[in-house]
Structures are given as C-alpha cells and as structure tokens.
C-alpha atoms as a PDB file:
ATOM      1  CA  MET A   1     -78.705  43.827  24.448  1.00  0.00           C
ATOM      2  CA  LYS A   2     -75.797  41.577  24.839  1.00  0.00           C
ATOM      3  CA  THR A   3     -74.444  42.898  21.525  1.00  0.00           C
ATOM      4  CA  ILE A   4     -74.563  46.393  22.738  1.00  0.00           C
ATOM      5  CA  SER A   5     -72.964  45.359  25.942  1.00  0.00           C
ATOM      6  CA  PHE A   6     -70.084  43.769  24.274  1.00  0.00           C
ATOM      7  CA  ILE A   7     -69.557  46.755  21.881  1.00  0.00           C
ATOM      8  CA  LEU A   8     -69.718  49.159  24.726  1.00  0.00           C
ATOM      9  CA  SER A   9     -67.281  47.128  26.843  1.00  0.00           C
ATOM     10  CA  MET A  10     -64.963  47.156  23.932  1.00  0.00           C
ATOM     11  CA  LEU A  11     -65.324  50.985  23.470  1.00  0.00           C
ATOM     12  CA  VAL A  12     -64.496  51.192  26.972  1.00  0.00           C
ATOM     13  CA  PHE A  13     -61.505  49.029  26.707  1.00  0.00           C
ATOM     14  CA  PHE A  14     -59.996  51.018  24.122  1.00  0.00           C
ATOM     15  CA  GLY A  15     -60.772  54.110  25.789  1.00  0.00           C
ATOM     16  CA  LEU A  16     -63.344  55.432  23.273  1.00  0.00           C
ATOM     17  CA  CYS A  17     -66.007  56.049  25.903  1.00  0.00           C
ATOM     18  CA  SER A  18     -66.219  56.328  29.588  1.00  0.00           C
ATOM     19  CA  PRO A  19     -67.543  53.259  31.749  1.00  0.00           C
ATOM     20  CA  SER A  20     -70.542  55.423  32.853  1.00  0.00           C
ATOM     21  CA  VAL A  21     -71.857  54.932  29.121  1.00  0.00           C
ATOM     22  CA  GLN A  22     -71.728  51.232  29.433  1.00  0.00           C
ATOM     23  CA  ALA A  23     -74.499  51.392  32.339  1.00  0.00           C
ATOM     24  CA  GLN A  24     -76.618  53.578  30.045  1.00  0.00           C
ATOM     25  CA  GLU A  25     -77.334  51.274  27.039  1.00  0.00           C
ATOM     26  CA  PRO A  26     -79.511  53.010  24.387  1.00  0.00           C
ATOM     27  CA  ILE A  27     -82.881  51.274  23.809  1.00  0.00           C
ATOM     28  CA  ASN A  28     -83.404  53.211  20.657  1.00  0.00           C
ATOM     29  CA  VAL A  29     -81.716  55.897  18.557  1.00  0.00           C
ATOM     30  CA  TYR A  30     -82.305  58.752  21.136  1.00  0.00           C
ATOM     31  CA  GLY A  31     -79.594  57.474  23.403  1.00  0.00           C
ATOM     32  CA  PHE A  32     -76.940  58.559  21.099  1.00  0.00           C
ATOM     33  CA  ASP A  33     -74.723  61.764  20.991  1.00  0.00           C
ATOM     34  CA  VAL A  34     -73.099  62.740  17.731  1.00  0.00           C
ATOM     35  CA  GLU A  35     -71.360  65.816  16.144  1.00  0.00           C
ATOM     36  CA  ASP A  36     -72.791  67.928  13.498  1.00  0.00           C
ATOM     37  CA  ILE A  37     -70.701  68.726  10.508  1.00  0.00           C
ATOM     38  CA  ASP A  38     -69.497  71.935  12.221  1.00  0.00           C
ATOM     39  CA  GLY A  39     -68.182  69.874  15.437  1.00  0.00           C
ATOM     40  CA  ASN A  40     -71.155  70.746  17.564  1.00  0.00           C
ATOM     41  CA  PRO A  41     -72.470  68.152  20.018  1.00  0.00           C
ATOM     42  CA  VAL A  42     -75.971  66.943  19.244  1.00  0.00           C
ATOM     43  CA  SER A  43     -78.153  64.494  21.009  1.00  0.00           C
ATOM     44  CA  LEU A  44     -80.504  62.446  18.743  1.00  0.00           C
ATOM     45  CA  SER A  45     -83.061  62.821  21.736  1.00  0.00           C
ATOM     46  CA  ASN A  46     -83.521  66.385  19.939  1.00  0.00           C
ATOM     47  CA  TYR A  47     -85.585  64.474  17.167  1.00  0.00           C
ATOM     48  CA  LYS A  48     -87.950  62.639  19.451  1.00  0.00           C
ATOM     49  CA  GLY A  49     -91.192  62.463  17.715  1.00  0.00           C
ATOM     50  CA  LYS A  50     -89.884  62.834  14.319  1.00  0.00           C
ATOM     51  CA  VAL A  51     -89.393  60.140  11.641  1.00  0.00           C
ATOM     52  CA  LEU A  52     -85.722  59.924  10.590  1.00  0.00           C
ATOM     53  CA  LEU A  53     -83.943  58.523   7.788  1.00  0.00           C
ATOM     54  CA  ILE A  54     -80.447  58.030   8.569  1.00  0.00           C
ATOM     55  CA  VAL A  55     -78.076  57.703   5.672  1.00  0.00           C
ATOM     56  CA  ASN A  56     -74.303  57.035   5.350  1.00  0.00           C
ATOM     57  CA  THR A  57     -73.049  59.214   2.537  1.00  0.00           C
ATOM     58  CA  ALA A  58     -69.984  59.671   0.441  1.00  0.00           C
ATOM     59  CA  SER A  59     -69.028  62.454  -2.033  1.00  0.00           C
ATOM     60  CA  ARG A  60     -67.194  60.619  -4.493  1.00  0.00           C
ATOM     61  CA  CYS A  61     -69.527  57.478  -4.955  1.00  0.00           C
ATOM     62  CA  GLY A  62     -71.610  56.256  -7.833  1.00  0.00           C
ATOM     63  CA  PHE A  63     -74.498  56.937  -5.462  1.00  0.00           C
ATOM     64  CA  THR A  64     -73.596  60.360  -4.710  1.00  0.00           C
ATOM     65  CA  ARG A  65     -76.362  61.775  -6.873  1.00  0.00           C
ATOM     66  CA  GLN A  66     -78.682  60.431  -4.114  1.00  0.00           C
ATOM     67  CA  TYR A  67     -78.153  63.687  -2.188  1.00  0.00           C
ATOM     68  CA  LYS A  68     -80.631  65.154  -4.549  1.00  0.00           C
ATOM     69  CA  PRO A  69     -83.607  62.967  -4.052  1.00  0.00           C
ATOM     70  CA  LEU A  70     -82.664  63.016  -0.245  1.00  0.00           C
ATOM     71  CA  GLU A  71     -82.972  66.782  -0.209  1.00  0.00           C
ATOM     72  CA  GLU A  72     -86.273  66.407  -2.314  1.00  0.00           C
ATOM     73  CA  LEU A  73     -87.634  64.025   0.320  1.00  0.00           C
ATOM     74  CA  TYR A  74     -86.625  66.263   3.170  1.00  0.00           C
ATOM     75  CA  GLN A  75     -88.245  69.406   1.553  1.00  0.00           C
ATOM     76  CA  LYS A  76     -91.275  67.472   0.607  1.00  0.00           C
ATOM     77  CA  TYR A  77     -92.014  65.897   4.050  1.00  0.00           C
ATOM     78  CA  LYS A  78     -90.062  67.965   6.679  1.00  0.00           C
ATOM     79  CA  ASP A  79     -93.027  70.193   7.855  1.00  0.00           C
ATOM     80  CA  GLN A  80     -94.949  66.882   8.609  1.00  0.00           C
ATOM     81  CA  GLY A  81     -92.055  65.513  10.780  1.00  0.00           C
ATOM     82  CA  LEU A  82     -89.472  63.949   8.502  1.00  0.00           C
ATOM     83  CA  VAL A  83     -85.767  64.499   9.132  1.00  0.00           C
ATOM     84  CA  VAL A  84     -82.887  63.238   6.782  1.00  0.00           C
ATOM     85  CA  LEU A  85     -79.657  62.796   8.807  1.00  0.00           C
ATOM     86  CA  GLY A  86     -76.640  62.515   6.658  1.00  0.00           C
ATOM     87  CA  PHE A  87     -73.410  60.804   8.107  1.00  0.00           C
ATOM     88  CA  PRO A  88     -70.508  60.966   5.751  1.00  0.00           C
ATOM     89  CA  ALA A  89     -68.165  57.998   6.092  1.00  0.00           C
ATOM     90  CA  ASN A  90     -64.883  57.215   4.150  1.00  0.00           C
ATOM     91  CA  ASN A  91     -65.454  53.147   4.542  1.00  0.00           C
ATOM     92  CA  PHE A  92     -65.602  52.294   1.090  1.00  0.00           C
ATOM     93  CA  MET A  93     -62.808  52.737  -1.346  1.00  0.00           C
ATOM     94  CA  ASN A  94     -61.761  56.131   0.007  1.00  0.00           C
ATOM     95  CA  GLN A  95     -64.964  57.872  -1.477  1.00  0.00           C
ATOM     96  CA  GLU A  96     -65.364  60.344   1.356  1.00  0.00           C
ATOM     97  CA  PRO A  97     -61.838  61.691   1.666  1.00  0.00           C
ATOM     98  CA  GLY A  98     -62.616  65.178   2.656  1.00  0.00           C
ATOM     99  CA  THR A  99     -62.732  67.204   5.820  1.00  0.00           C
ATOM    100  CA  ASN A 100     -66.096  67.993   7.403  1.00  0.00           C
ATOM    101  CA  GLU A 101     -65.762  71.685   5.991  1.00  0.00           C
ATOM    102  CA  GLU A 102     -65.203  70.191   2.448  1.00  0.00           C
ATOM    103  CA  ILE A 103     -68.110  67.963   2.442  1.00  0.00           C
ATOM    104  CA  LYS A 104     -70.265  70.517   3.835  1.00  0.00           C
ATOM    105  CA  ASN A 105     -69.379  72.863   0.981  1.00  0.00           C
ATOM    106  CA  PHE A 106     -69.528  69.938  -1.477  1.00  0.00           C
ATOM    107  CA  CYS A 107     -73.249  69.136  -0.380  1.00  0.00           C
ATOM    108  CA  PHE A 108     -74.347  72.577  -0.424  1.00  0.00           C
ATOM    109  CA  LEU A 109     -72.699  73.905  -3.375  1.00  0.00           C
ATOM    110  CA  ASN A 110     -73.677  70.740  -5.625  1.00  0.00           C
ATOM    111  CA  TYR A 111     -76.899  69.511  -4.084  1.00  0.00           C
ATOM    112  CA  LYS A 112     -78.210  72.529  -2.159  1.00  0.00           C
ATOM    113  CA  THR A 113     -78.411  70.278   0.951  1.00  0.00           C
ATOM    114  CA  THR A 114     -80.394  71.611   3.964  1.00  0.00           C
ATOM    115  CA  PHE A 115     -80.902  68.381   5.790  1.00  0.00           C
ATOM    116  CA  PRO A 116     -78.797  67.918   9.028  1.00  0.00           C
ATOM    117  CA  LEU A 117     -75.022  66.722   8.211  1.00  0.00           C
ATOM    118  CA  PHE A 118     -72.822  65.281  10.658  1.00  0.00           C
ATOM    119  CA  SER A 119     -69.169  64.824  11.290  1.00  0.00           C
ATOM    120  CA  LYS A 120     -67.515  62.266   9.098  1.00  0.00           C
ATOM    121  CA  ILE A 121     -67.488  58.568  10.973  1.00  0.00           C
ATOM    122  CA  SER A 122     -66.907  55.044  10.373  1.00  0.00           C
ATOM    123  CA  VAL A 123     -70.036  52.933   9.663  1.00  0.00           C
ATOM    124  CA  LYS A 124     -68.024  49.407   9.991  1.00  0.00           C
ATOM    125  CA  GLY A 125     -65.146  48.014  11.288  1.00  0.00           C
ATOM    126  CA  LYS A 126     -63.288  48.216  14.480  1.00  0.00           C
ATOM    127  CA  ASP A 127     -63.679  52.007  14.728  1.00  0.00           C
ATOM    128  CA  ILE A 128     -67.355  51.810  14.010  1.00  0.00           C
ATOM    129  CA  HIS A 129     -69.377  54.659  15.416  1.00  0.00           C
ATOM    130  CA  PRO A 130     -71.621  53.544  18.463  1.00  0.00           C
ATOM    131  CA  LEU A 131     -74.633  54.719  16.678  1.00  0.00           C
ATOM    132  CA  TYR A 132     -73.895  52.564  13.490  1.00  0.00           C
ATOM    133  CA  GLY A 133     -73.117  49.733  15.917  1.00  0.00           C
ATOM    134  CA  TYR A 134     -76.369  49.948  17.287  1.00  0.00           C
ATOM    135  CA  LEU A 135     -78.175  50.348  13.686  1.00  0.00           C
ATOM    136  CA  THR A 136     -76.515  47.271  12.483  1.00  0.00           C
ATOM    137  CA  THR A 137     -76.853  44.964  15.532  1.00  0.00           C
ATOM    138  CA  GLN A 138     -80.298  45.634  17.054  1.00  0.00           C
ATOM    139  CA  GLY A 139     -83.833  45.232  15.798  1.00  0.00           C
ATOM    140  CA  GLU A 140     -85.265  43.565  12.967  1.00  0.00           C
ATOM    141  CA  PHE A 141     -82.699  44.859  10.325  1.00  0.00           C
ATOM    142  CA  PRO A 142     -79.331  43.669  11.469  1.00  0.00           C
ATOM    143  CA  GLY A 143     -76.338  43.334   9.317  1.00  0.00           C
ATOM    144  CA  ALA A 144     -73.126  45.159   8.217  1.00  0.00           C
ATOM    145  CA  ILE A 145     -73.121  48.420   5.788  1.00  0.00           C
ATOM    146  CA  THR A 146     -72.434  47.208   2.561  1.00  0.00           C
ATOM    147  CA  TRP A 147     -71.893  50.520   0.835  1.00  0.00           C
ATOM    148  CA  ASN A 148     -72.393  54.153   0.935  1.00  0.00           C
ATOM    149  CA  PHE A 149     -76.052  55.494   1.040  1.00  0.00           C
ATOM    150  CA  ASN A 150     -77.539  52.638   3.136  1.00  0.00           C
ATOM    151  CA  LYS A 151     -80.695  54.154   4.650  1.00  0.00           C
ATOM    152  CA  PHE A 152     -82.299  53.378   8.021  1.00  0.00           C
ATOM    153  CA  LEU A 153     -86.063  54.354   8.557  1.00  0.00           C
ATOM    154  CA  ILE A 154     -86.413  55.528  12.228  1.00  0.00           C
ATOM    155  CA  GLY A 155     -90.008  55.806  13.654  1.00  0.00           C
ATOM    156  CA  LYS A 156     -91.112  58.407  15.955  1.00  0.00           C
ATOM    157  CA  ASP A 157     -90.379  56.175  18.970  1.00  0.00           C
ATOM    158  CA  GLY A 158     -86.645  55.814  17.909  1.00  0.00           C
ATOM    159  CA  GLN A 159     -86.760  52.325  16.801  1.00  0.00           C
ATOM    160  CA  VAL A 160     -85.511  51.061  13.441  1.00  0.00           C
ATOM    161  CA  ILE A 161     -88.586  50.276  11.428  1.00  0.00           C
ATOM    162  CA  GLY A 162     -86.873  49.755   7.849  1.00  0.00           C
ATOM    163  CA  ARG A 163     -83.719  49.653   6.068  1.00  0.00           C
ATOM    164  CA  PHE A 164     -82.811  50.245   2.375  1.00  0.00           C
ATOM    165  CA  GLY A 165     -79.750  49.489   0.588  1.00  0.00           C
ATOM    166  CA  ALA A 166     -77.724  51.806  -1.564  1.00  0.00           C
ATOM    167  CA  ARG A 167     -79.311  50.802  -4.839  1.00  0.00           C
ATOM    168  CA  VAL A 168     -82.740  51.865  -3.396  1.00  0.00           C
ATOM    169  CA  ASP A 169     -83.432  55.550  -4.469  1.00  0.00           C
ATOM    170  CA  PRO A 170     -84.554  57.749  -1.606  1.00  0.00           C
ATOM    171  CA  LEU A 171     -87.620  58.525  -3.797  1.00  0.00           C
ATOM    172  CA  ASP A 172     -88.515  54.808  -4.253  1.00  0.00           C
ATOM    173  CA  PRO A 173     -92.144  54.164  -3.650  1.00  0.00           C
ATOM    174  CA  LYS A 174     -91.026  51.719  -0.867  1.00  0.00           C
ATOM    175  CA  ILE A 175     -89.437  54.455   1.023  1.00  0.00           C
ATOM    176  CA  VAL A 176     -91.875  57.154   0.448  1.00  0.00           C
ATOM    177  CA  SER A 177     -94.654  54.710   1.348  1.00  0.00           C
ATOM    178  CA  ALA A 178     -92.856  53.891   4.627  1.00  0.00           C
ATOM    179  CA  ILE A 179     -92.297  57.378   5.628  1.00  0.00           C
ATOM    180  CA  LYS A 180     -95.868  58.331   4.855  1.00  0.00           C
ATOM    181  CA  ASP A 181     -97.063  55.436   6.888  1.00  0.00           C
ATOM    182  CA  GLN A 182     -95.192  57.012   9.951  1.00  0.00           C
ATOM    183  CA  LEU A 183     -95.866  60.688   9.635  1.00  0.00           C
END
C-alpha cells in the first residue's frame, strides 16, 4: 500500500488527480475509472463478479495477431463470466500510434473484436495510468510491463490472480485453465 500511496502522491503533485483520490486507495481493480475507446467514463466496478483478462495492446506489433485468440477466448467464455479488456498503449517502439477511432476501426475491421476496448493509455514510465501502476506494483505479480500484449488475469473479487507475458498466446492451456478455474 505504500507504493500506491507514493504513486497517488505523485499523481496529485503533477496535477493528474485530485487529493481526494489519494484518500481512497483502491484495494483491487474495481477502484479504478477508465475511459472506453469512445471516450466515455467507465468504472471497473461495473465488472464486479466477472473474471477479467486485462491486456495492453498495439496495432503494429508482432503480437498484434493475438487480437484473434483474445476475441475467440472472449466469445467462448463471455456467457460464463469472462470479460477481456483491451488497453491500447504506445509505449513500445511507436507500435500504437493511431487515434482511438483508428484503433477501434483497425481492431474491428481486421479482427472483428467485440470485447471492450479502452482509450489509449500509458502502461509504463512517468505517465503510467493508475490502473497499470496498481497492476505492476501490487499483489503476487509485480513488475514492469515488458512489451505489448502482457496479460493480467483478475478474479471475481477484483484481485490479480495471474500474469502472462506477450509470448503466451491467449489460448495457451495455462491461461485457459486459469480462467476455467475462476469461472
């Protein structure tokens, strides 16, 4: 919790959030608000009771093809309570340079994505989004995001219960088994 306090203090210092946020440290992912790909505010608390797979994505990456298995995973398990959440990020070699509208169109036209996509954010560095500040510092799976398509598995209680790197395909038995265990 000291790390979250430090991050929130820095966000307040740089004017990126109000001091009132500092008093309400999230204890799981449900404490975060984000914007969807169309710019609408979304509270992650809307997903309480669901199993989440949070993924930082990019449209010009060697792993971009993972949009297809992410959509397959979502379609196969969404009725049982899985939600894939895609967070485009341009932190690695300018592999997500587009606007939110361009990203949305690219994902739908090329991969027919229907899982929720969110506004482009930063997943590392001084401008890291608070959600990713939390994901990379709290729980049993801390560590910086190393590339596009890192995956965090979130249990129904909002806690991080698994983390998978970019090279792990979304349909890998390790991910599918971990999801099934939570559904």
